[in-house]
Amino acid sequence: MLFHVLDPDEIELPFDDLIFFEGMEPGDERTLLAEASDLVHAFREESERFRERWRTTCLEARVDYRFARTDVAPAELLRAFLTERMGRR
């Protein structure tokens, strides 16, 4: 079972102004100064493709995949998952 947990900002890029982006991975020194509104469409598409790659990889490995947002209470996510799992039996 994999719960793929993302913050809504990681999904939607809800910024409108000039924004400074920097690499978050260890050793990633890249930076970008850009108008967020110019990037929103491409960002959202890539975010969706990223989640779909994880879903497909899990499906191929026979691993349950659940996408979860940090703005949804963990208890709600677990309840929905367990209810669905119990329904399969």
PDB file of N, CA and C in Angstrom:
ATOM      1  N   MET A   1       0.847  -1.175   0.000  1.00  0.00           N
ATOM      2  CA  MET A   1       0.000   0.000   0.000  1.00  0.00           C
ATOM      3  C   MET A   1       0.883   1.226   0.000  1.00  0.00           C
ATOM      4  N   LEU A   2       0.566   2.159  -0.877  1.00  0.00           N
ATOM      5  CA  LEU A   2       1.299   3.421  -0.934  1.00  0.00           C
ATOM      6  C   LEU A   2       0.311   4.571  -0.882  1.00  0.00           C
ATOM      7  N   PHE A   3       0.460   5.429   0.107  1.00  0.00           N
ATOM      8  CA  PHE A   3      -0.271   6.684   0.155  1.00  0.00           C
ATOM      9  C   PHE A   3       0.675   7.757  -0.375  1.00  0.00           C
ATOM     10  N   HIS A   4       0.321   8.360  -1.481  1.00  0.00           N
ATOM     11  CA  HIS A   4       1.123   9.406  -2.104  1.00  0.00           C
ATOM     12  C   HIS A   4       0.574  10.739  -1.597  1.00  0.00           C
ATOM     13  N   VAL A   5       1.257  11.345  -0.644  1.00  0.00           N
ATOM     14  CA  VAL A   5       0.757  12.527   0.045  1.00  0.00           C
ATOM     15  C   VAL A   5       1.438  13.780  -0.492  1.00  0.00           C
ATOM     16  N   LEU A   6       0.623  14.717  -0.978  1.00  0.00           N
ATOM     17  CA  LEU A   6       1.134  15.986  -1.489  1.00  0.00           C
ATOM     18  C   LEU A   6       0.330  17.145  -0.911  1.00  0.00           C
ATOM     19  N   ASP A   7       1.012  18.262  -0.751  1.00  0.00           N
ATOM     20  CA  ASP A   7       0.368  19.506  -0.358  1.00  0.00           C
ATOM     21  C   ASP A   7      -0.345  20.071  -1.590  1.00  0.00           C
ATOM     22  N   PRO A   8      -1.504  20.703  -1.403  1.00  0.00           N
ATOM     23  CA  PRO A   8      -2.203  21.285  -2.554  1.00  0.00           C
ATOM     24  C   PRO A   8      -1.317  22.201  -3.406  1.00  0.00           C
ATOM     25  N   ASP A   9      -0.382  22.905  -2.779  1.00  0.00           N
ATOM     26  CA  ASP A   9       0.523  23.778  -3.549  1.00  0.00           C
ATOM     27  C   ASP A   9       1.404  22.982  -4.502  1.00  0.00           C
ATOM     28  N   GLU A  10       1.687  21.717  -4.166  1.00  0.00           N
ATOM     29  CA  GLU A  10       2.498  20.859  -5.030  1.00  0.00           C
ATOM     30  C   GLU A  10       1.697  20.347  -6.222  1.00  0.00           C
ATOM     31  N   ILE A  11       0.397  20.501  -6.163  1.00  0.00           N
ATOM     32  CA  ILE A  11      -0.491  20.001  -7.208  1.00  0.00           C
ATOM     33  C   ILE A  11      -0.931  21.137  -8.133  1.00  0.00           C
ATOM     34  N   GLU A  12      -1.206  22.291  -7.543  1.00  0.00           N
ATOM     35  CA  GLU A  12      -1.878  23.362  -8.270  1.00  0.00           C
ATOM     36  C   GLU A  12      -1.032  24.592  -8.587  1.00  0.00           C
ATOM     37  N   LEU A  13       0.068  24.797  -7.903  1.00  0.00           N
ATOM     38  CA  LEU A  13       0.889  26.004  -8.050  1.00  0.00           C
ATOM     39  C   LEU A  13       0.000  27.247  -7.982  1.00  0.00           C
ATOM     40  N   PRO A  14      -0.518  27.548  -6.789  1.00  0.00           N
ATOM     41  CA  PRO A  14      -1.525  28.607  -6.654  1.00  0.00           C
ATOM     42  C   PRO A  14      -0.955  30.021  -6.520  1.00  0.00           C
ATOM     43  N   PHE A  15       0.155  30.295  -7.147  1.00  0.00           N
ATOM     44  CA  PHE A  15       0.793  31.600  -7.020  1.00  0.00           C
ATOM     45  C   PHE A  15       0.579  32.410  -8.301  1.00  0.00           C
ATOM     46  N   ASP A  16       0.539  33.732  -8.172  1.00  0.00           N
ATOM     47  CA  ASP A  16       0.310  34.601  -9.316  1.00  0.00           C
ATOM     48  C   ASP A  16       1.487  35.521  -9.614  1.00  0.00           C
ATOM     49  N   ASP A  17       2.345  35.750  -8.660  1.00  0.00           N
ATOM     50  CA  ASP A  17       3.381  36.762  -8.757  1.00  0.00           C
ATOM     51  C   ASP A  17       4.709  36.198  -9.251  1.00  0.00           C
ATOM     52  N   LEU A  18       5.649  37.091  -9.387  1.00  0.00           N
ATOM     53  CA  LEU A  18       7.025  36.715  -9.657  1.00  0.00           C
ATOM     54  C   LEU A  18       7.503  35.913  -8.451  1.00  0.00           C
ATOM     55  N   ILE A  19       8.057  34.741  -8.719  1.00  0.00           N
ATOM     56  CA  ILE A  19       8.435  33.853  -7.625  1.00  0.00           C
ATOM     57  C   ILE A  19       9.798  33.220  -7.897  1.00  0.00           C
ATOM     58  N   PHE A  20      10.517  32.981  -6.853  1.00  0.00           N
ATOM     59  CA  PHE A  20      11.851  32.392  -6.932  1.00  0.00           C
ATOM     60  C   PHE A  20      11.733  30.918  -6.570  1.00  0.00           C
ATOM     61  N   PHE A  21      12.050  30.036  -7.510  1.00  0.00           N
ATOM     62  CA  PHE A  21      12.020  28.597  -7.284  1.00  0.00           C
ATOM     63  C   PHE A  21      13.449  28.111  -7.074  1.00  0.00           C
ATOM     64  N   GLU A  22      13.608  27.157  -6.186  1.00  0.00           N
ATOM     65  CA  GLU A  22      14.930  26.565  -6.008  1.00  0.00           C
ATOM     66  C   GLU A  22      14.785  25.053  -5.845  1.00  0.00           C
ATOM     67  N   GLY A  23      15.822  24.338  -6.297  1.00  0.00           N
ATOM     68  CA  GLY A  23      15.818  22.882  -6.206  1.00  0.00           C
ATOM     69  C   GLY A  23      15.725  22.426  -4.760  1.00  0.00           C
ATOM     70  N   MET A  24      14.960  21.383  -4.531  1.00  0.00           N
ATOM     71  CA  MET A  24      14.752  20.884  -3.175  1.00  0.00           C
ATOM     72  C   MET A  24      15.534  19.603  -2.884  1.00  0.00           C
ATOM     73  N   GLU A  25      15.965  18.926  -3.925  1.00  0.00           N
ATOM     74  CA  GLU A  25      16.665  17.660  -3.733  1.00  0.00           C
ATOM     75  C   GLU A  25      18.109  17.920  -3.318  1.00  0.00           C
ATOM     76  N   PRO A  26      18.684  17.009  -2.556  1.00  0.00           N
ATOM     77  CA  PRO A  26      20.095  17.170  -2.168  1.00  0.00           C
ATOM     78  C   PRO A  26      20.987  17.336  -3.397  1.00  0.00           C
ATOM     79  N   GLY A  27      21.828  18.335  -3.371  1.00  0.00           N
ATOM     80  CA  GLY A  27      22.753  18.583  -4.472  1.00  0.00           C
ATOM     81  C   GLY A  27      22.165  19.356  -5.641  1.00  0.00           C
ATOM     82  N   ASP A  28      20.859  19.629  -5.615  1.00  0.00           N
ATOM     83  CA  ASP A  28      20.215  20.367  -6.709  1.00  0.00           C
ATOM     84  C   ASP A  28      20.354  21.859  -6.430  1.00  0.00           C
ATOM     85  N   GLU A  29      21.254  22.498  -7.131  1.00  0.00           N
ATOM     86  CA  GLU A  29      21.558  23.912  -6.903  1.00  0.00           C
ATOM     87  C   GLU A  29      20.811  24.829  -7.873  1.00  0.00           C
ATOM     88  N   ARG A  30      19.927  24.251  -8.709  1.00  0.00           N
ATOM     89  CA  ARG A  30      19.234  25.058  -9.709  1.00  0.00           C
ATOM     90  C   ARG A  30      18.270  26.050  -9.067  1.00  0.00           C
ATOM     91  N   THR A  31      18.131  27.202  -9.718  1.00  0.00           N
ATOM     92  CA  THR A  31      17.173  28.217  -9.292  1.00  0.00           C
ATOM     93  C   THR A  31      16.467  28.770 -10.526  1.00  0.00           C
ATOM     94  N   LEU A  32      15.292  29.333 -10.311  1.00  0.00           N
ATOM     95  CA  LEU A  32      14.521  29.912 -11.405  1.00  0.00           C
ATOM     96  C   LEU A  32      13.691  31.058 -10.848  1.00  0.00           C
ATOM     97  N   LEU A  33      13.786  32.202 -11.492  1.00  0.00           N
ATOM     98  CA  LEU A  33      12.940  33.344 -11.168  1.00  0.00           C
ATOM     99  C   LEU A  33      11.947  33.473 -12.317  1.00  0.00           C
ATOM    100  N   ALA A  34      10.642  33.350 -12.017  1.00  0.00           N
ATOM    101  CA  ALA A  34       9.647  33.350 -13.089  1.00  0.00           C
ATOM    102  C   ALA A  34       8.305  33.855 -12.577  1.00  0.00           C
ATOM    103  N   GLU A  35       7.476  34.283 -13.521  1.00  0.00           N
ATOM    104  CA  GLU A  35       6.091  34.611 -13.212  1.00  0.00           C
ATOM    105  C   GLU A  35       5.352  33.291 -13.049  1.00  0.00           C
ATOM    106  N   ALA A  36       4.850  33.026 -11.870  1.00  0.00           N
ATOM    107  CA  ALA A  36       4.167  31.761 -11.604  1.00  0.00           C
ATOM    108  C   ALA A  36       2.995  31.551 -12.556  1.00  0.00           C
ATOM    109  N   SER A  37       2.294  32.633 -12.886  1.00  0.00           N
ATOM    110  CA  SER A  37       1.130  32.503 -13.778  1.00  0.00           C
ATOM    111  C   SER A  37       1.518  31.969 -15.158  1.00  0.00           C
ATOM    112  N   ASP A  38       2.768  32.185 -15.581  1.00  0.00           N
ATOM    113  CA  ASP A  38       3.241  31.664 -16.864  1.00  0.00           C
ATOM    114  C   ASP A  38       3.492  30.162 -16.817  1.00  0.00           C
ATOM    115  N   LEU A  39       3.644  29.620 -15.616  1.00  0.00           N
ATOM    116  CA  LEU A  39       4.008  28.215 -15.455  1.00  0.00           C
ATOM    117  C   LEU A  39       2.851  27.323 -15.017  1.00  0.00           C
ATOM    118  N   VAL A  40       1.739  27.907 -14.614  1.00  0.00           N
ATOM    119  CA  VAL A  40       0.658  27.149 -13.985  1.00  0.00           C
ATOM    120  C   VAL A  40       0.177  25.988 -14.836  1.00  0.00           C
ATOM    121  N   HIS A  41      -0.124  26.213 -16.086  1.00  0.00           N
ATOM    122  CA  HIS A  41      -0.677  25.160 -16.937  1.00  0.00           C
ATOM    123  C   HIS A  41       0.302  23.987 -17.068  1.00  0.00           C
ATOM    124  N   ALA A  42       1.539  24.277 -17.411  1.00  0.00           N
ATOM    125  CA  ALA A  42       2.542  23.218 -17.569  1.00  0.00           C
ATOM    126  C   ALA A  42       2.812  22.523 -16.239  1.00  0.00           C
ATOM    127  N   PHE A  43       2.843  23.278 -15.160  1.00  0.00           N
ATOM    128  CA  PHE A  43       3.082  22.702 -13.839  1.00  0.00           C
ATOM    129  C   PHE A  43       1.987  21.705 -13.469  1.00  0.00           C
ATOM    130  N   ARG A  44       0.737  22.100 -13.668  1.00  0.00           N
ATOM    131  CA  ARG A  44      -0.388  21.216 -13.319  1.00  0.00           C
ATOM    132  C   ARG A  44      -0.385  19.951 -14.168  1.00  0.00           C
ATOM    133  N   GLU A  45      -0.076  20.093 -15.449  1.00  0.00           N
ATOM    134  CA  GLU A  45      -0.001  18.912 -16.318  1.00  0.00           C
ATOM    135  C   GLU A  45       1.105  17.966 -15.871  1.00  0.00           C
ATOM    136  N   GLU A  46       2.272  18.521 -15.553  1.00  0.00           N
ATOM    137  CA  GLU A  46       3.387  17.681 -15.118  1.00  0.00           C
ATOM    138  C   GLU A  46       3.094  17.037 -13.764  1.00  0.00           C
ATOM    139  N   SER A  47       2.439  17.747 -12.881  1.00  0.00           N
ATOM    140  CA  SER A  47       2.055  17.184 -11.586  1.00  0.00           C
ATOM    141  C   SER A  47       1.121  15.987 -11.790  1.00  0.00           C
ATOM    142  N   GLU A  48       0.175  16.127 -12.708  1.00  0.00           N
ATOM    143  CA  GLU A  48      -0.750  15.025 -12.998  1.00  0.00           C
ATOM    144  C   GLU A  48      -0.008  13.828 -13.609  1.00  0.00           C
ATOM    145  N   ARG A  49       0.901  14.093 -14.544  1.00  0.00           N
ATOM    146  CA  ARG A  49       1.686  13.004 -15.155  1.00  0.00           C
ATOM    147  C   ARG A  49       2.544  12.299 -14.102  1.00  0.00           C
ATOM    148  N   PHE A  50       3.123  13.071 -13.190  1.00  0.00           N
ATOM    149  CA  PHE A  50       3.942  12.516 -12.115  1.00  0.00           C
ATOM    150  C   PHE A  50       3.130  11.545 -11.258  1.00  0.00           C
ATOM    151  N   ARG A  51       1.934  11.964 -10.857  1.00  0.00           N
ATOM    152  CA  ARG A  51       1.075  11.088 -10.050  1.00  0.00           C
ATOM    153  C   ARG A  51       0.638   9.873 -10.843  1.00  0.00           C
ATOM    154  N   GLU A  52       0.362  10.046 -12.122  1.00  0.00           N
ATOM    155  CA  GLU A  52      -0.053   8.914 -12.959  1.00  0.00           C
ATOM    156  C   GLU A  52       1.074   7.900 -13.108  1.00  0.00           C
ATOM    157  N   ARG A  53       2.321   8.365 -13.226  1.00  0.00           N
ATOM    158  CA  ARG A  53       3.457   7.426 -13.294  1.00  0.00           C
ATOM    159  C   ARG A  53       3.548   6.603 -12.016  1.00  0.00           C
ATOM    160  N   TRP A  54       3.357   7.238 -10.870  1.00  0.00           N
ATOM    161  CA  TRP A  54       3.379   6.493  -9.609  1.00  0.00           C
ATOM    162  C   TRP A  54       2.233   5.484  -9.561  1.00  0.00           C
ATOM    163  N   ARG A  55       1.046   5.908  -9.977  1.00  0.00           N
ATOM    164  CA  ARG A  55      -0.111   5.000  -9.955  1.00  0.00           C
ATOM    165  C   ARG A  55       0.131   3.795 -10.846  1.00  0.00           C
ATOM    166  N   THR A  56       0.636   4.042 -12.053  1.00  0.00           N
ATOM    167  CA  THR A  56       0.904   2.960 -13.000  1.00  0.00           C
ATOM    168  C   THR A  56       1.980   2.019 -12.475  1.00  0.00           C
ATOM    169  N   THR A  57       3.039   2.571 -11.924  1.00  0.00           N
ATOM    170  CA  THR A  57       4.114   1.741 -11.372  1.00  0.00           C
ATOM    171  C   THR A  57       3.588   0.859 -10.251  1.00  0.00           C
ATOM    172  N   CYS A  58       2.777   1.429  -9.390  1.00  0.00           N
ATOM    173  CA  CYS A  58       2.199   0.639  -8.299  1.00  0.00           C
ATOM    174  C   CYS A  58       1.272  -0.449  -8.837  1.00  0.00           C
ATOM    175  N   LEU A  59       0.454  -0.098  -9.807  1.00  0.00           N
ATOM    176  CA  LEU A  59      -0.455  -1.070 -10.407  1.00  0.00           C
ATOM    177  C   LEU A  59       0.327  -2.246 -10.982  1.00  0.00           C
ATOM    178  N   GLU A  60       1.397  -1.952 -11.706  1.00  0.00           N
ATOM    179  CA  GLU A  60       2.227  -3.019 -12.298  1.00  0.00           C
ATOM    180  C   GLU A  60       2.883  -3.888 -11.227  1.00  0.00           C
ATOM    181  N   ALA A  61       3.186  -3.295 -10.076  1.00  0.00           N
ATOM    182  CA  ALA A  61       3.829  -4.037  -8.986  1.00  0.00           C
ATOM    183  C   ALA A  61       2.794  -4.650  -8.031  1.00  0.00           C
ATOM    184  N   ARG A  62       1.520  -4.504  -8.384  1.00  0.00           N
ATOM    185  CA  ARG A  62       0.426  -5.027  -7.569  1.00  0.00           C
ATOM    186  C   ARG A  62       0.419  -4.401  -6.166  1.00  0.00           C
ATOM    187  N   VAL A  63       0.648  -3.104  -6.142  1.00  0.00           N
ATOM    188  CA  VAL A  63       0.639  -2.330  -4.903  1.00  0.00           C
ATOM    189  C   VAL A  63      -0.534  -1.363  -4.972  1.00  0.00           C
ATOM    190  N   ASP A  64      -1.361  -1.339  -3.943  1.00  0.00           N
ATOM    191  CA  ASP A  64      -2.454  -0.370  -3.890  1.00  0.00           C
ATOM    192  C   ASP A  64      -1.867   1.030  -3.811  1.00  0.00           C
ATOM    193  N   TYR A  65      -2.373   1.922  -4.646  1.00  0.00           N
ATOM    194  CA  TYR A  65      -1.923   3.307  -4.675  1.00  0.00           C
ATOM    195  C   TYR A  65      -3.086   4.202  -4.317  1.00  0.00           C
ATOM    196  N   ARG A  66      -2.858   5.101  -3.390  1.00  0.00           N
ATOM    197  CA  ARG A  66      -3.867   6.093  -3.033  1.00  0.00           C
ATOM    198  C   ARG A  66      -3.204   7.461  -3.023  1.00  0.00           C
ATOM    199  N   PHE A  67      -3.795   8.374  -3.764  1.00  0.00           N
ATOM    200  CA  PHE A  67      -3.334   9.756  -3.754  1.00  0.00           C
ATOM    201  C   PHE A  67      -4.016  10.460  -2.589  1.00  0.00           C
ATOM    202  N   ALA A  68      -3.259  11.237  -1.837  1.00  0.00           N
ATOM    203  CA  ALA A  68      -3.810  11.932  -0.680  1.00  0.00           C
ATOM    204  C   ALA A  68      -3.265  13.356  -0.633  1.00  0.00           C
ATOM    205  N   ARG A  69      -4.122  14.279  -0.218  1.00  0.00           N
ATOM    206  CA  ARG A  69      -3.732  15.679  -0.070  1.00  0.00           C
ATOM    207  C   ARG A  69      -3.598  15.995   1.411  1.00  0.00           C
ATOM    208  N   THR A  70      -2.682  16.890   1.731  1.00  0.00           N
ATOM    209  CA  THR A  70      -2.467  17.253   3.125  1.00  0.00           C
ATOM    210  C   THR A  70      -3.619  18.075   3.700  1.00  0.00           C
ATOM    211  N   ASP A  71      -4.515  18.566   2.853  1.00  0.00           N
ATOM    212  CA  ASP A  71      -5.662  19.323   3.366  1.00  0.00           C
ATOM    213  C   ASP A  71      -6.863  18.432   3.675  1.00  0.00           C
ATOM    214  N   VAL A  72      -6.678  17.117   3.615  1.00  0.00           N
ATOM    215  CA  VAL A  72      -7.699  16.153   4.006  1.00  0.00           C
ATOM    216  C   VAL A  72      -7.176  15.435   5.252  1.00  0.00           C
ATOM    217  N   ALA A  73      -8.007  15.345   6.260  1.00  0.00           N
ATOM    218  CA  ALA A  73      -7.596  14.735   7.520  1.00  0.00           C
ATOM    219  C   ALA A  73      -7.167  13.278   7.308  1.00  0.00           C
ATOM    220  N   PRO A  74      -6.048  12.877   7.919  1.00  0.00           N
ATOM    221  CA  PRO A  74      -5.590  11.489   7.785  1.00  0.00           C
ATOM    222  C   PRO A  74      -6.655  10.462   8.171  1.00  0.00           C
ATOM    223  N   ALA A  75      -7.452  10.759   9.182  1.00  0.00           N
ATOM    224  CA  ALA A  75      -8.500   9.819   9.589  1.00  0.00           C
ATOM    225  C   ALA A  75      -9.502   9.579   8.462  1.00  0.00           C
ATOM    226  N   GLU A  76      -9.829  10.635   7.702  1.00  0.00           N
ATOM    227  CA  GLU A  76     -10.750  10.483   6.577  1.00  0.00           C
ATOM    228  C   GLU A  76     -10.145   9.599   5.488  1.00  0.00           C
ATOM    229  N   LEU A  77      -8.875   9.812   5.197  1.00  0.00           N
ATOM    230  CA  LEU A  77      -8.191   9.006   4.180  1.00  0.00           C
ATOM    231  C   LEU A  77      -8.158   7.532   4.575  1.00  0.00           C
ATOM    232  N   LEU A  78      -7.786   7.277   5.805  1.00  0.00           N
ATOM    233  CA  LEU A  78      -7.713   5.890   6.274  1.00  0.00           C
ATOM    234  C   LEU A  78      -9.084   5.237   6.319  1.00  0.00           C
ATOM    235  N   ARG A  79     -10.085   5.978   6.764  1.00  0.00           N
ATOM    236  CA  ARG A  79     -11.449   5.438   6.823  1.00  0.00           C
ATOM    237  C   ARG A  79     -11.920   5.042   5.420  1.00  0.00           C
ATOM    238  N   ALA A  80     -11.711   5.909   4.444  1.00  0.00           N
ATOM    239  CA  ALA A  80     -12.119   5.605   3.066  1.00  0.00           C
ATOM    240  C   ALA A  80     -11.369   4.397   2.527  1.00  0.00           C
ATOM    241  N   PHE A  81     -10.071   4.348   2.795  1.00  0.00           N
ATOM    242  CA  PHE A  81      -9.272   3.215   2.334  1.00  0.00           C
ATOM    243  C   PHE A  81      -9.754   1.912   2.971  1.00  0.00           C
ATOM    244  N   LEU A  82      -9.925   1.906   4.295  1.00  0.00           N
ATOM    245  CA  LEU A  82     -10.341   0.686   4.986  1.00  0.00           C
ATOM    246  C   LEU A  82     -11.749   0.248   4.589  1.00  0.00           C
ATOM    247  N   THR A  83     -12.646   1.206   4.380  1.00  0.00           N
ATOM    248  CA  THR A  83     -14.005   0.886   3.937  1.00  0.00           C
ATOM    249  C   THR A  83     -13.949   0.216   2.568  1.00  0.00           C
ATOM    250  N   GLU A  84     -13.161   0.778   1.663  1.00  0.00           N
ATOM    251  CA  GLU A  84     -13.029   0.169   0.338  1.00  0.00           C
ATOM    252  C   GLU A  84     -12.411  -1.221   0.425  1.00  0.00           C
ATOM    253  N   ARG A  85     -11.382  -1.350   1.223  1.00  0.00           N
ATOM    254  CA  ARG A  85     -10.691  -2.638   1.366  1.00  0.00           C
ATOM    255  C   ARG A  85     -11.646  -3.694   1.931  1.00  0.00           C
ATOM    256  N   MET A  86     -12.461  -3.318   2.919  1.00  0.00           N
ATOM    257  CA  MET A  86     -13.425  -4.260   3.519  1.00  0.00           C
ATOM    258  C   MET A  86     -14.487  -4.662   2.495  1.00  0.00           C
ATOM    259  N   GLY A  87     -14.840  -3.740   1.600  1.00  0.00           N
ATOM    260  CA  GLY A  87     -15.831  -4.034   0.575  1.00  0.00           C
ATOM    261  C   GLY A  87     -15.347  -5.044  -0.447  1.00  0.00           C
ATOM    262  N   ARG A  88     -14.045  -5.174  -0.610  1.00  0.00           N
ATOM    263  CA  ARG A  88     -13.486  -6.131  -1.573  1.00  0.00           C
ATOM    264  C   ARG A  88     -13.584  -7.564  -1.087  1.00  0.00           C
ATOM    265  N   ARG A  89     -13.725  -7.743   0.202  1.00  0.00           N
ATOM    266  CA  ARG A  89     -13.710  -9.113   0.759  1.00  0.00           C
ATOM    267  C   ARG A  89     -14.993  -9.813   0.573  1.00  0.00           C
TER     268      ARG A  89
END
